[in-house]
């Protein structure tokens, strides 16, 4: 048994060394994207090939959706006839952008902009006039967001290019629901909905079931989901715990309960620091981003959580200065876990 553990431990170290060699040539940089003539800009999405989308102030001080590329810089995507627009999501190749824009009648409407057409298309609504798009599938064919129905309720929707219409995804009993994330193939949607008791609850909707699944909470009845991995198996968001404090969560499809990230990664958090809001997860499920409380600076700060065990070339996994059986046990107990 110990020989097998040693073999697996050495394999892990070899993989770590190879990873370090492979990434040694990476060039790190920060690029400031500028504005559209105003004094502010915000990025909300980025594609696999570095196309950035978001909003920026123009010379008149109005918010305008933008698409930025390294070769062309920041491009104003226009509106649907009104004065302002916001871009929130982008396809994997950067060719499709989704968001919301005012139309000539003063309604905010979900839009889908494509590089091939160079224009925004109004995705419609569910009978109530207003709609907003927040995320798009990898190929740009499925868009999710929120639209008001004829009764005045905001409803999570899933729009398909093949049908050209929005589908109402339902709710958890209250009539209200909001969709904020979608898997790469468009078959899994996440967000939150009020339940019959009036509590906001994180949900996962799947095409195979055609219904929302209540993802639970961390002890308070309140939870909200905002991001989902490419395969739809991992959902992130935030929830109040039993003490009424906000905590970031991760929920894996094969697990029955939400995972409190502050508890899971307590060893990484010192002097009262905590992870509070999780807003997005990388397609491979490895990285989680959001914001929380940094006790060292005594302020709210953005965080990047790398859930993969760190690679230690010398084998000192627990960082105690000694390579011994304790390091082997850490590897053993975590062997087979999905990172």
C-alpha atoms as a PDB file:
ATOM      1  CA  UNK A   1       0.000   0.000   0.000  1.00  0.00           C
ATOM      2  CA  UNK A   2       2.780   2.430   0.970  1.00  0.00           C
ATOM      3  CA  UNK A   3       4.636   1.579  -2.249  1.00  0.00           C
ATOM      4  CA  UNK A   4       1.496   2.493  -4.223  1.00  0.00           C
ATOM      5  CA  UNK A   5       1.194   5.778  -2.310  1.00  0.00           C
ATOM      6  CA  UNK A   6       4.842   6.591  -2.991  1.00  0.00           C
ATOM      7  CA  UNK A   7       4.285   5.846  -6.676  1.00  0.00           C
ATOM      8  CA  UNK A   8       1.240   8.119  -6.870  1.00  0.00           C
ATOM      9  CA  UNK A   9       3.019  10.830  -4.891  1.00  0.00           C
ATOM     10  CA  UNK A  10       5.971  10.760  -7.265  1.00  0.00           C
ATOM     11  CA  UNK A  11       3.594  10.911 -10.228  1.00  0.00           C
ATOM     12  CA  UNK A  12       1.977  14.020  -8.754  1.00  0.00           C
ATOM     13  CA  UNK A  13       5.367  15.653  -8.246  1.00  0.00           C
ATOM     14  CA  UNK A  14       6.361  14.817 -11.816  1.00  0.00           C
ATOM     15  CA  UNK A  15       3.158  16.405 -13.117  1.00  0.00           C
ATOM     16  CA  UNK A  16       3.870  19.496 -11.015  1.00  0.00           C
ATOM     17  CA  UNK A  17       7.401  19.803 -12.369  1.00  0.00           C
ATOM     18  CA  UNK A  18       6.162  19.436 -15.948  1.00  0.00           C
ATOM     19  CA  UNK A  19       3.524  22.106 -15.259  1.00  0.00           C
ATOM     20  CA  UNK A  20       6.173  24.482 -13.918  1.00  0.00           C
ATOM     21  CA  UNK A  21       8.345  23.903 -16.990  1.00  0.00           C
ATOM     22  CA  UNK A  22       5.390  24.373 -19.351  1.00  0.00           C
ATOM     23  CA  UNK A  23       4.340  27.659 -17.779  1.00  0.00           C
ATOM     24  CA  UNK A  24       7.805  29.128 -17.356  1.00  0.00           C
ATOM     25  CA  UNK A  25       7.605  30.852 -20.737  1.00  0.00           C
ATOM     26  CA  UNK A  26       4.305  32.600 -20.082  1.00  0.00           C
ATOM     27  CA  UNK A  27       4.441  36.375 -20.298  1.00  0.00           C
ATOM     28  CA  UNK A  28       2.372  38.218 -17.704  1.00  0.00           C
ATOM     29  CA  UNK A  29       0.940  41.639 -18.459  1.00  0.00           C
ATOM     30  CA  UNK A  30      -1.752  44.145 -17.605  1.00  0.00           C
ATOM     31  CA  UNK A  31      -3.565  46.004 -20.333  1.00  0.00           C
ATOM     32  CA  UNK A  32      -5.642  49.092 -19.568  1.00  0.00           C
ATOM     33  CA  UNK A  33      -8.524  49.239 -22.018  1.00  0.00           C
ATOM     34  CA  UNK A  34      -9.363  52.943 -21.826  1.00  0.00           C
ATOM     35  CA  UNK A  35     -12.854  54.374 -22.401  1.00  0.00           C
ATOM     36  CA  UNK A  36     -15.104  55.562 -25.199  1.00  0.00           C
ATOM     37  CA  UNK A  37     -14.332  59.208 -24.481  1.00  0.00           C
ATOM     38  CA  UNK A  38     -15.677  59.374 -20.932  1.00  0.00           C
ATOM     39  CA  UNK A  39     -14.037  58.770 -17.557  1.00  0.00           C
ATOM     40  CA  UNK A  40     -14.910  55.160 -16.692  1.00  0.00           C
ATOM     41  CA  UNK A  41     -15.092  51.628 -18.041  1.00  0.00           C
ATOM     42  CA  UNK A  42     -15.888  48.196 -16.586  1.00  0.00           C
ATOM     43  CA  UNK A  43     -15.170  44.714 -17.957  1.00  0.00           C
ATOM     44  CA  UNK A  44     -17.726  41.942 -17.430  1.00  0.00           C
ATOM     45  CA  UNK A  45     -16.635  39.137 -19.717  1.00  0.00           C
ATOM     46  CA  UNK A  46     -13.679  37.736 -21.637  1.00  0.00           C
ATOM     47  CA  UNK A  47     -13.400  35.075 -24.328  1.00  0.00           C
ATOM     48  CA  UNK A  48     -10.837  32.302 -24.644  1.00  0.00           C
ATOM     49  CA  UNK A  49      -8.890  34.393 -27.153  1.00  0.00           C
ATOM     50  CA  UNK A  50      -8.788  37.614 -25.113  1.00  0.00           C
ATOM     51  CA  UNK A  51     -11.792  39.533 -26.462  1.00  0.00           C
ATOM     52  CA  UNK A  52     -13.172  41.675 -23.632  1.00  0.00           C
ATOM     53  CA  UNK A  53     -16.723  43.011 -23.265  1.00  0.00           C
ATOM     54  CA  UNK A  54     -18.258  45.453 -20.809  1.00  0.00           C
ATOM     55  CA  UNK A  55     -19.442  49.037 -20.522  1.00  0.00           C
ATOM     56  CA  UNK A  56     -17.699  52.398 -20.824  1.00  0.00           C
ATOM     57  CA  UNK A  57     -18.702  56.029 -20.594  1.00  0.00           C
ATOM     58  CA  UNK A  58     -18.733  57.914 -23.885  1.00  0.00           C
ATOM     59  CA  UNK A  59     -17.916  61.618 -24.322  1.00  0.00           C
ATOM     60  CA  UNK A  60     -21.483  62.483 -23.325  1.00  0.00           C
ATOM     61  CA  UNK A  61     -21.147  60.514 -20.083  1.00  0.00           C
ATOM     62  CA  UNK A  62     -23.531  57.739 -21.172  1.00  0.00           C
ATOM     63  CA  UNK A  63     -22.923  54.029 -20.662  1.00  0.00           C
ATOM     64  CA  UNK A  64     -22.250  52.116 -23.876  1.00  0.00           C
ATOM     65  CA  UNK A  65     -21.606  48.425 -24.443  1.00  0.00           C
ATOM     66  CA  UNK A  66     -18.141  47.760 -25.810  1.00  0.00           C
ATOM     67  CA  UNK A  67     -16.101  44.977 -27.377  1.00  0.00           C
ATOM     68  CA  UNK A  68     -12.328  45.252 -27.106  1.00  0.00           C
ATOM     69  CA  UNK A  69      -9.706  43.400 -29.152  1.00  0.00           C
ATOM     70  CA  UNK A  70      -5.938  43.782 -29.101  1.00  0.00           C
ATOM     71  CA  UNK A  71      -5.887  44.637 -32.809  1.00  0.00           C
ATOM     72  CA  UNK A  72      -8.796  47.100 -32.938  1.00  0.00           C
ATOM     73  CA  UNK A  73      -9.096  48.470 -29.417  1.00  0.00           C
ATOM     74  CA  UNK A  74     -12.448  49.436 -27.881  1.00  0.00           C
ATOM     75  CA  UNK A  75     -15.510  49.382 -30.120  1.00  0.00           C
ATOM     76  CA  UNK A  76     -18.858  50.993 -29.238  1.00  0.00           C
ATOM     77  CA  UNK A  77     -21.525  48.384 -30.001  1.00  0.00           C
ATOM     78  CA  UNK A  78     -24.321  50.956 -30.194  1.00  0.00           C
ATOM     79  CA  UNK A  79     -27.843  50.634 -28.795  1.00  0.00           C
ATOM     80  CA  UNK A  80     -31.293  49.489 -29.872  1.00  0.00           C
ATOM     81  CA  UNK A  81     -32.461  53.045 -30.494  1.00  0.00           C
ATOM     82  CA  UNK A  82     -32.065  54.459 -27.000  1.00  0.00           C
ATOM     83  CA  UNK A  83     -29.100  56.164 -25.334  1.00  0.00           C
ATOM     84  CA  UNK A  84     -27.362  53.461 -23.300  1.00  0.00           C
ATOM     85  CA  UNK A  85     -26.305  49.813 -23.449  1.00  0.00           C
ATOM     86  CA  UNK A  86     -24.360  47.255 -21.366  1.00  0.00           C
ATOM     87  CA  UNK A  87     -22.465  44.120 -22.468  1.00  0.00           C
ATOM     88  CA  UNK A  88     -22.310  41.232 -19.980  1.00  0.00           C
ATOM     89  CA  UNK A  89     -21.365  38.049 -21.824  1.00  0.00           C
ATOM     90  CA  UNK A  90     -19.249  36.874 -24.764  1.00  0.00           C
ATOM     91  CA  UNK A  91     -18.954  33.614 -26.663  1.00  0.00           C
ATOM     92  CA  UNK A  92     -15.811  31.475 -26.446  1.00  0.00           C
ATOM     93  CA  UNK A  93     -14.402  32.859 -29.705  1.00  0.00           C
ATOM     94  CA  UNK A  94     -15.388  36.467 -28.984  1.00  0.00           C
ATOM     95  CA  UNK A  95     -17.667  36.728 -32.013  1.00  0.00           C
ATOM     96  CA  UNK A  96     -20.976  36.986 -30.133  1.00  0.00           C
ATOM     97  CA  UNK A  97     -21.764  39.524 -27.395  1.00  0.00           C
ATOM     98  CA  UNK A  98     -24.895  39.703 -25.251  1.00  0.00           C
ATOM     99  CA  UNK A  99     -26.276  42.280 -22.852  1.00  0.00           C
ATOM    100  CA  UNK A 100     -29.021  44.846 -22.546  1.00  0.00           C
ATOM    101  CA  UNK A 101     -29.771  48.154 -24.278  1.00  0.00           C
ATOM    102  CA  UNK A 102     -32.497  50.767 -24.290  1.00  0.00           C
ATOM    103  CA  UNK A 103     -34.739  50.868 -27.327  1.00  0.00           C
ATOM    104  CA  UNK A 104     -36.438  53.956 -28.772  1.00  0.00           C
ATOM    105  CA  UNK A 105     -39.468  53.411 -26.505  1.00  0.00           C
ATOM    106  CA  UNK A 106     -37.383  53.488 -23.333  1.00  0.00           C
ATOM    107  CA  UNK A 107     -37.470  49.735 -22.619  1.00  0.00           C
ATOM    108  CA  UNK A 108     -34.350  47.790 -21.719  1.00  0.00           C
ATOM    109  CA  UNK A 109     -34.114  44.834 -24.077  1.00  0.00           C
ATOM    110  CA  UNK A 110     -31.825  41.832 -24.226  1.00  0.00           C
ATOM    111  CA  UNK A 111     -29.542  41.998 -27.249  1.00  0.00           C
ATOM    112  CA  UNK A 112     -27.244  39.676 -29.182  1.00  0.00           C
ATOM    113  CA  UNK A 113     -24.492  41.314 -31.234  1.00  0.00           C
ATOM    114  CA  UNK A 114     -22.466  39.362 -33.787  1.00  0.00           C
ATOM    115  CA  UNK A 115     -19.182  40.267 -35.440  1.00  0.00           C
ATOM    116  CA  UNK A 116     -20.490  38.960 -38.758  1.00  0.00           C
ATOM    117  CA  UNK A 117     -23.431  41.377 -38.810  1.00  0.00           C
ATOM    118  CA  UNK A 118     -21.872  44.202 -36.809  1.00  0.00           C
ATOM    119  CA  UNK A 119     -25.205  45.050 -35.204  1.00  0.00           C
ATOM    120  CA  UNK A 120     -27.382  44.356 -32.187  1.00  0.00           C
ATOM    121  CA  UNK A 121     -30.455  42.185 -32.521  1.00  0.00           C
ATOM    122  CA  UNK A 122     -33.343  42.631 -30.083  1.00  0.00           C
ATOM    123  CA  UNK A 123     -34.124  39.234 -28.522  1.00  0.00           C
ATOM    124  CA  UNK A 124     -37.624  40.249 -27.505  1.00  0.00           C
ATOM    125  CA  UNK A 125     -39.375  39.664 -24.181  1.00  0.00           C
ATOM    126  CA  UNK A 126     -41.954  37.449 -22.500  1.00  0.00           C
ATOM    127  CA  UNK A 127     -44.869  39.847 -22.726  1.00  0.00           C
ATOM    128  CA  UNK A 128     -43.835  42.538 -20.267  1.00  0.00           C
ATOM    129  CA  UNK A 129     -41.660  44.716 -22.488  1.00  0.00           C
ATOM    130  CA  UNK A 130     -38.399  44.501 -20.529  1.00  0.00           C
ATOM    131  CA  UNK A 131     -35.575  41.960 -20.852  1.00  0.00           C
ATOM    132  CA  UNK A 132     -31.851  41.644 -20.088  1.00  0.00           C
ATOM    133  CA  UNK A 133     -29.260  39.074 -21.254  1.00  0.00           C
ATOM    134  CA  UNK A 134     -26.439  38.035 -18.923  1.00  0.00           C
ATOM    135  CA  UNK A 135     -24.675  35.014 -20.419  1.00  0.00           C
ATOM    136  CA  UNK A 136     -24.171  33.145 -23.684  1.00  0.00           C
ATOM    137  CA  UNK A 137     -23.132  29.611 -24.592  1.00  0.00           C
ATOM    138  CA  UNK A 138     -19.684  28.854 -26.009  1.00  0.00           C
ATOM    139  CA  UNK A 139     -20.852  28.947 -29.639  1.00  0.00           C
ATOM    140  CA  UNK A 140     -23.139  31.955 -29.133  1.00  0.00           C
ATOM    141  CA  UNK A 141     -26.344  30.118 -30.015  1.00  0.00           C
ATOM    142  CA  UNK A 142     -27.966  30.069 -26.552  1.00  0.00           C
ATOM    143  CA  UNK A 143     -28.548  33.202 -24.481  1.00  0.00           C
ATOM    144  CA  UNK A 144     -29.896  33.398 -20.923  1.00  0.00           C
ATOM    145  CA  UNK A 145     -31.156  36.232 -18.792  1.00  0.00           C
ATOM    146  CA  UNK A 146     -34.317  37.729 -17.325  1.00  0.00           C
ATOM    147  CA  UNK A 147     -37.458  39.057 -19.011  1.00  0.00           C
ATOM    148  CA  UNK A 148     -40.757  40.318 -17.661  1.00  0.00           C
ATOM    149  CA  UNK A 149     -43.915  38.429 -18.570  1.00  0.00           C
ATOM    150  CA  UNK A 150     -47.373  39.888 -19.212  1.00  0.00           C
ATOM    151  CA  UNK A 151     -48.197  39.662 -15.492  1.00  0.00           C
ATOM    152  CA  UNK A 152     -45.209  41.812 -14.598  1.00  0.00           C
ATOM    153  CA  UNK A 153     -43.037  39.019 -13.153  1.00  0.00           C
ATOM    154  CA  UNK A 154     -39.315  38.821 -13.961  1.00  0.00           C
ATOM    155  CA  UNK A 155     -38.645  35.353 -15.381  1.00  0.00           C
ATOM    156  CA  UNK A 156     -35.474  33.455 -16.201  1.00  0.00           C
ATOM    157  CA  UNK A 157     -35.318  32.819 -19.933  1.00  0.00           C
ATOM    158  CA  UNK A 158     -33.338  30.723 -22.392  1.00  0.00           C
ATOM    159  CA  UNK A 159     -33.199  32.016 -25.973  1.00  0.00           C
ATOM    160  CA  UNK A 160     -32.148  29.783 -28.877  1.00  0.00           C
ATOM    161  CA  UNK A 161     -30.886  30.955 -32.259  1.00  0.00           C
ATOM    162  CA  UNK A 162     -32.484  27.905 -33.872  1.00  0.00           C
ATOM    163  CA  UNK A 163     -35.992  28.989 -32.831  1.00  0.00           C
ATOM    164  CA  UNK A 164     -35.410  32.728 -32.450  1.00  0.00           C
ATOM    165  CA  UNK A 165     -37.552  32.855 -29.330  1.00  0.00           C
ATOM    166  CA  UNK A 166     -37.310  33.001 -25.555  1.00  0.00           C
ATOM    167  CA  UNK A 167     -38.407  30.083 -23.412  1.00  0.00           C
ATOM    168  CA  UNK A 168     -39.632  30.769 -19.880  1.00  0.00           C
ATOM    169  CA  UNK A 169     -37.683  28.503 -17.509  1.00  0.00           C
ATOM    170  CA  UNK A 170     -40.231  28.685 -14.711  1.00  0.00           C
ATOM    171  CA  UNK A 171     -39.578  29.341 -11.030  1.00  0.00           C
ATOM    172  CA  UNK A 172     -39.396  27.709  -7.609  1.00  0.00           C
ATOM    173  CA  UNK A 173     -42.916  28.587  -6.568  1.00  0.00           C
ATOM    174  CA  UNK A 174     -43.129  32.367  -6.332  1.00  0.00           C
ATOM    175  CA  UNK A 175     -43.332  33.550  -9.938  1.00  0.00           C
ATOM    176  CA  UNK A 176     -39.947  35.341  -9.826  1.00  0.00           C
ATOM    177  CA  UNK A 177     -36.717  33.958 -11.329  1.00  0.00           C
ATOM    178  CA  UNK A 178     -33.427  35.243 -12.764  1.00  0.00           C
ATOM    179  CA  UNK A 179     -30.811  33.451 -14.936  1.00  0.00           C
ATOM    180  CA  UNK A 180     -27.154  34.534 -14.774  1.00  0.00           C
ATOM    181  CA  UNK A 181     -25.038  31.665 -16.101  1.00  0.00           C
ATOM    182  CA  UNK A 182     -25.111  28.988 -18.801  1.00  0.00           C
ATOM    183  CA  UNK A 183     -22.962  25.970 -19.601  1.00  0.00           C
ATOM    184  CA  UNK A 184     -20.829  25.746 -22.749  1.00  0.00           C
ATOM    185  CA  UNK A 185     -23.442  23.790 -24.697  1.00  0.00           C
ATOM    186  CA  UNK A 186     -26.403  25.779 -23.365  1.00  0.00           C
ATOM    187  CA  UNK A 187     -28.059  22.812 -21.666  1.00  0.00           C
ATOM    188  CA  UNK A 188     -27.556  23.944 -18.053  1.00  0.00           C
ATOM    189  CA  UNK A 189     -28.705  27.315 -16.701  1.00  0.00           C
ATOM    190  CA  UNK A 190     -28.123  28.723 -13.211  1.00  0.00           C
ATOM    191  CA  UNK A 191     -29.500  31.670 -11.286  1.00  0.00           C
ATOM    192  CA  UNK A 192     -31.915  32.221  -8.445  1.00  0.00           C
ATOM    193  CA  UNK A 193     -35.637  32.263  -7.791  1.00  0.00           C
ATOM    194  CA  UNK A 194     -37.911  33.012  -4.865  1.00  0.00           C
ATOM    195  CA  UNK A 195     -39.513  29.875  -3.443  1.00  0.00           C
ATOM    196  CA  UNK A 196     -43.082  29.523  -2.145  1.00  0.00           C
ATOM    197  CA  UNK A 197     -42.030  30.930   1.218  1.00  0.00           C
ATOM    198  CA  UNK A 198     -40.524  34.018  -0.365  1.00  0.00           C
ATOM    199  CA  UNK A 199     -36.854  33.093   0.061  1.00  0.00           C
ATOM    200  CA  UNK A 200     -34.345  33.610  -2.779  1.00  0.00           C
ATOM    201  CA  UNK A 201     -32.892  30.219  -3.729  1.00  0.00           C
ATOM    202  CA  UNK A 202     -30.049  29.289  -6.059  1.00  0.00           C
ATOM    203  CA  UNK A 203     -31.145  26.966  -8.847  1.00  0.00           C
ATOM    204  CA  UNK A 204     -29.756  24.737 -11.573  1.00  0.00           C
ATOM    205  CA  UNK A 205     -32.011  24.175 -14.598  1.00  0.00           C
ATOM    206  CA  UNK A 206     -31.214  21.378 -17.038  1.00  0.00           C
ATOM    207  CA  UNK A 207     -32.526  20.758 -20.528  1.00  0.00           C
ATOM    208  CA  UNK A 208     -32.822  17.044 -19.815  1.00  0.00           C
ATOM    209  CA  UNK A 209     -35.201  17.580 -16.883  1.00  0.00           C
ATOM    210  CA  UNK A 210     -36.859  20.773 -18.082  1.00  0.00           C
ATOM    211  CA  UNK A 211     -37.128  22.079 -14.547  1.00  0.00           C
ATOM    212  CA  UNK A 212     -35.292  23.998 -11.830  1.00  0.00           C
ATOM    213  CA  UNK A 213     -33.503  22.249  -8.992  1.00  0.00           C
ATOM    214  CA  UNK A 214     -33.246  24.096  -5.678  1.00  0.00           C
ATOM    215  CA  UNK A 215     -29.550  23.970  -4.730  1.00  0.00           C
ATOM    216  CA  UNK A 216     -30.107  24.613  -1.040  1.00  0.00           C
ATOM    217  CA  UNK A 217     -28.242  27.046   1.202  1.00  0.00           C
ATOM    218  CA  UNK A 218     -25.591  27.314   3.891  1.00  0.00           C
ATOM    219  CA  UNK A 219     -28.031  27.454   6.785  1.00  0.00           C
ATOM    220  CA  UNK A 220     -30.176  30.544   6.289  1.00  0.00           C
ATOM    221  CA  UNK A 221     -32.674  29.859   3.442  1.00  0.00           C
ATOM    222  CA  UNK A 222     -30.990  32.551   1.265  1.00  0.00           C
ATOM    223  CA  UNK A 223     -28.793  31.601  -1.731  1.00  0.00           C
ATOM    224  CA  UNK A 224     -27.926  32.989  -5.178  1.00  0.00           C
ATOM    225  CA  UNK A 225     -26.104  31.322  -8.114  1.00  0.00           C
ATOM    226  CA  UNK A 226     -24.183  33.352 -10.697  1.00  0.00           C
ATOM    227  CA  UNK A 227     -21.711  31.088 -12.491  1.00  0.00           C
ATOM    228  CA  UNK A 228     -21.465  27.548 -13.869  1.00  0.00           C
ATOM    229  CA  UNK A 229     -18.601  25.483 -15.281  1.00  0.00           C
ATOM    230  CA  UNK A 230     -18.462  24.566 -18.975  1.00  0.00           C
ATOM    231  CA  UNK A 231     -19.885  21.080 -18.379  1.00  0.00           C
ATOM    232  CA  UNK A 232     -22.610  22.360 -16.054  1.00  0.00           C
ATOM    233  CA  UNK A 233     -21.488  20.247 -13.110  1.00  0.00           C
ATOM    234  CA  UNK A 234     -20.133  22.985 -10.819  1.00  0.00           C
ATOM    235  CA  UNK A 235     -22.134  26.033  -9.700  1.00  0.00           C
ATOM    236  CA  UNK A 236     -20.842  29.001  -7.690  1.00  0.00           C
ATOM    237  CA  UNK A 237     -22.567  31.877  -5.927  1.00  0.00           C
ATOM    238  CA  UNK A 238     -23.188  33.092  -2.420  1.00  0.00           C
ATOM    239  CA  UNK A 239     -25.427  32.304   0.525  1.00  0.00           C
ATOM    240  CA  UNK A 240     -25.995  33.426   4.098  1.00  0.00           C
ATOM    241  CA  UNK A 241     -24.892  30.929   6.740  1.00  0.00           C
ATOM    242  CA  UNK A 242     -26.764  30.123   9.954  1.00  0.00           C
ATOM    243  CA  UNK A 243     -25.161  33.118  11.664  1.00  0.00           C
ATOM    244  CA  UNK A 244     -26.465  35.461   8.972  1.00  0.00           C
ATOM    245  CA  UNK A 245     -23.072  36.040   7.361  1.00  0.00           C
ATOM    246  CA  UNK A 246     -22.481  36.026   3.633  1.00  0.00           C
ATOM    247  CA  UNK A 247     -20.304  33.177   2.364  1.00  0.00           C
ATOM    248  CA  UNK A 248     -19.261  32.113  -1.132  1.00  0.00           C
ATOM    249  CA  UNK A 249     -20.351  28.605  -2.089  1.00  0.00           C
ATOM    250  CA  UNK A 250     -19.566  25.877  -4.582  1.00  0.00           C
ATOM    251  CA  UNK A 251     -22.057  23.158  -5.431  1.00  0.00           C
ATOM    252  CA  UNK A 252     -21.133  20.063  -7.430  1.00  0.00           C
ATOM    253  CA  UNK A 253     -23.870  18.143  -9.256  1.00  0.00           C
ATOM    254  CA  UNK A 254     -22.862  14.830  -7.666  1.00  0.00           C
ATOM    255  CA  UNK A 255     -23.019  16.301  -4.156  1.00  0.00           C
ATOM    256  CA  UNK A 256     -26.199  16.827  -2.144  1.00  0.00           C
ATOM    257  CA  UNK A 257     -25.159  19.932  -0.237  1.00  0.00           C
ATOM    258  CA  UNK A 258     -23.580  23.296  -0.893  1.00  0.00           C
ATOM    259  CA  UNK A 259     -19.965  23.684   0.092  1.00  0.00           C
ATOM    260  CA  UNK A 260     -18.916  26.689   2.177  1.00  0.00           C
ATOM    261  CA  UNK A 261     -15.709  27.831   0.485  1.00  0.00           C
ATOM    262  CA  UNK A 262     -14.540  29.731   3.569  1.00  0.00           C
ATOM    263  CA  UNK A 263     -14.678  26.477   5.527  1.00  0.00           C
ATOM    264  CA  UNK A 264     -13.161  24.300   2.809  1.00  0.00           C
ATOM    265  CA  UNK A 265     -10.226  26.647   2.289  1.00  0.00           C
ATOM    266  CA  UNK A 266      -9.921  27.854   5.891  1.00  0.00           C
ATOM    267  CA  UNK A 267      -6.183  27.092   5.864  1.00  0.00           C
ATOM    268  CA  UNK A 268      -5.739  29.764   3.186  1.00  0.00           C
ATOM    269  CA  UNK A 269      -7.688  32.391   5.142  1.00  0.00           C
ATOM    270  CA  UNK A 270      -5.989  34.065   8.093  1.00  0.00           C
ATOM    271  CA  UNK A 271      -6.963  36.441  10.889  1.00  0.00           C
ATOM    272  CA  UNK A 272     -10.672  36.490  10.070  1.00  0.00           C
ATOM    273  CA  UNK A 273     -10.514  36.774   6.288  1.00  0.00           C
ATOM    274  CA  UNK A 274     -13.457  35.229   4.472  1.00  0.00           C
ATOM    275  CA  UNK A 275     -14.813  34.505   0.997  1.00  0.00           C
ATOM    276  CA  UNK A 276     -18.257  36.109   0.702  1.00  0.00           C
ATOM    277  CA  UNK A 277     -19.487  36.446  -2.880  1.00  0.00           C
ATOM    278  CA  UNK A 278     -18.549  34.042  -5.695  1.00  0.00           C
ATOM    279  CA  UNK A 279     -19.567  35.424  -9.080  1.00  0.00           C
ATOM    280  CA  UNK A 280     -17.923  33.226 -11.726  1.00  0.00           C
ATOM    281  CA  UNK A 281     -16.101  29.952 -12.283  1.00  0.00           C
ATOM    282  CA  UNK A 282     -13.646  29.050 -15.041  1.00  0.00           C
ATOM    283  CA  UNK A 283     -14.854  26.613 -17.736  1.00  0.00           C
ATOM    284  CA  UNK A 284     -12.685  23.825 -16.324  1.00  0.00           C
ATOM    285  CA  UNK A 285     -13.983  24.422 -12.803  1.00  0.00           C
ATOM    286  CA  UNK A 286     -10.526  25.183 -11.402  1.00  0.00           C
ATOM    287  CA  UNK A 287     -10.712  28.927 -10.706  1.00  0.00           C
ATOM    288  CA  UNK A 288     -13.425  30.750  -8.739  1.00  0.00           C
ATOM    289  CA  UNK A 289     -13.585  34.539  -8.582  1.00  0.00           C
ATOM    290  CA  UNK A 290     -15.582  36.991  -6.506  1.00  0.00           C
ATOM    291  CA  UNK A 291     -14.946  39.184  -3.488  1.00  0.00           C
ATOM    292  CA  UNK A 292     -14.696  38.913   0.266  1.00  0.00           C
ATOM    293  CA  UNK A 293     -13.152  40.404   3.402  1.00  0.00           C
ATOM    294  CA  UNK A 294      -9.362  40.651   3.575  1.00  0.00           C
ATOM    295  CA  UNK A 295      -8.468  40.975   7.246  1.00  0.00           C
ATOM    296  CA  UNK A 296      -4.899  42.041   6.431  1.00  0.00           C
ATOM    297  CA  UNK A 297      -6.107  45.232   4.760  1.00  0.00           C
ATOM    298  CA  UNK A 298      -9.451  45.447   6.606  1.00  0.00           C
ATOM    299  CA  UNK A 299     -11.399  45.961   3.395  1.00  0.00           C
ATOM    300  CA  UNK A 300     -13.487  44.194   0.794  1.00  0.00           C
ATOM    301  CA  UNK A 301     -11.332  42.859  -2.036  1.00  0.00           C
ATOM    302  CA  UNK A 302     -11.699  40.740  -5.165  1.00  0.00           C
ATOM    303  CA  UNK A 303     -10.339  37.203  -4.909  1.00  0.00           C
ATOM    304  CA  UNK A 304      -9.089  34.519  -7.287  1.00  0.00           C
ATOM    305  CA  UNK A 305      -9.315  31.055  -5.772  1.00  0.00           C
ATOM    306  CA  UNK A 306      -7.237  28.314  -7.411  1.00  0.00           C
ATOM    307  CA  UNK A 307      -8.791  25.066  -6.206  1.00  0.00           C
ATOM    308  CA  UNK A 308      -6.008  22.854  -7.537  1.00  0.00           C
ATOM    309  CA  UNK A 309      -3.470  21.681  -4.905  1.00  0.00           C
ATOM    310  CA  UNK A 310      -0.277  23.666  -5.143  1.00  0.00           C
ATOM    311  CA  UNK A 311       2.768  21.996  -6.702  1.00  0.00           C
ATOM    312  CA  UNK A 312       5.787  21.724  -4.404  1.00  0.00           C
ATOM    313  CA  UNK A 313       8.870  20.563  -6.374  1.00  0.00           C
ATOM    314  CA  UNK A 314      10.640  19.304  -3.238  1.00  0.00           C
ATOM    315  CA  UNK A 315       7.640  17.253  -2.017  1.00  0.00           C
ATOM    316  CA  UNK A 316       6.839  19.371   1.057  1.00  0.00           C
ATOM    317  CA  UNK A 317       3.078  19.429   0.409  1.00  0.00           C
ATOM    318  CA  UNK A 318       2.024  20.766   3.825  1.00  0.00           C
ATOM    319  CA  UNK A 319       4.792  23.349   3.925  1.00  0.00           C
ATOM    320  CA  UNK A 320       6.196  22.312   7.329  1.00  0.00           C
ATOM    321  CA  UNK A 321       9.780  22.109   6.081  1.00  0.00           C
ATOM    322  CA  UNK A 322       9.932  18.299   6.210  1.00  0.00           C
ATOM    323  CA  UNK A 323       9.092  15.731   3.544  1.00  0.00           C
ATOM    324  CA  UNK A 324       7.531  12.859   5.483  1.00  0.00           C
ATOM    325  CA  UNK A 325       4.495  10.587   5.768  1.00  0.00           C
ATOM    326  CA  UNK A 326       2.263  13.588   6.538  1.00  0.00           C
ATOM    327  CA  UNK A 327       2.846  14.801   2.979  1.00  0.00           C
ATOM    328  CA  UNK A 328       2.064  11.350   1.609  1.00  0.00           C
ATOM    329  CA  UNK A 329      -1.188  11.194   3.576  1.00  0.00           C
ATOM    330  CA  UNK A 330      -2.350  14.532   2.124  1.00  0.00           C
ATOM    331  CA  UNK A 331      -1.863  13.136  -1.359  1.00  0.00           C
ATOM    332  CA  UNK A 332      -3.534   9.842  -0.413  1.00  0.00           C
ATOM    333  CA  UNK A 333      -6.628  11.416   1.119  1.00  0.00           C
ATOM    334  CA  UNK A 334      -7.047  13.698  -1.890  1.00  0.00           C
ATOM    335  CA  UNK A 335      -6.315  11.058  -4.504  1.00  0.00           C
ATOM    336  CA  UNK A 336      -9.150  10.744  -7.003  1.00  0.00           C
ATOM    337  CA  UNK A 337     -10.717  14.101  -6.168  1.00  0.00           C
ATOM    338  CA  UNK A 338     -11.773  16.190  -9.145  1.00  0.00           C
ATOM    339  CA  UNK A 339      -9.798  19.442  -9.401  1.00  0.00           C
END
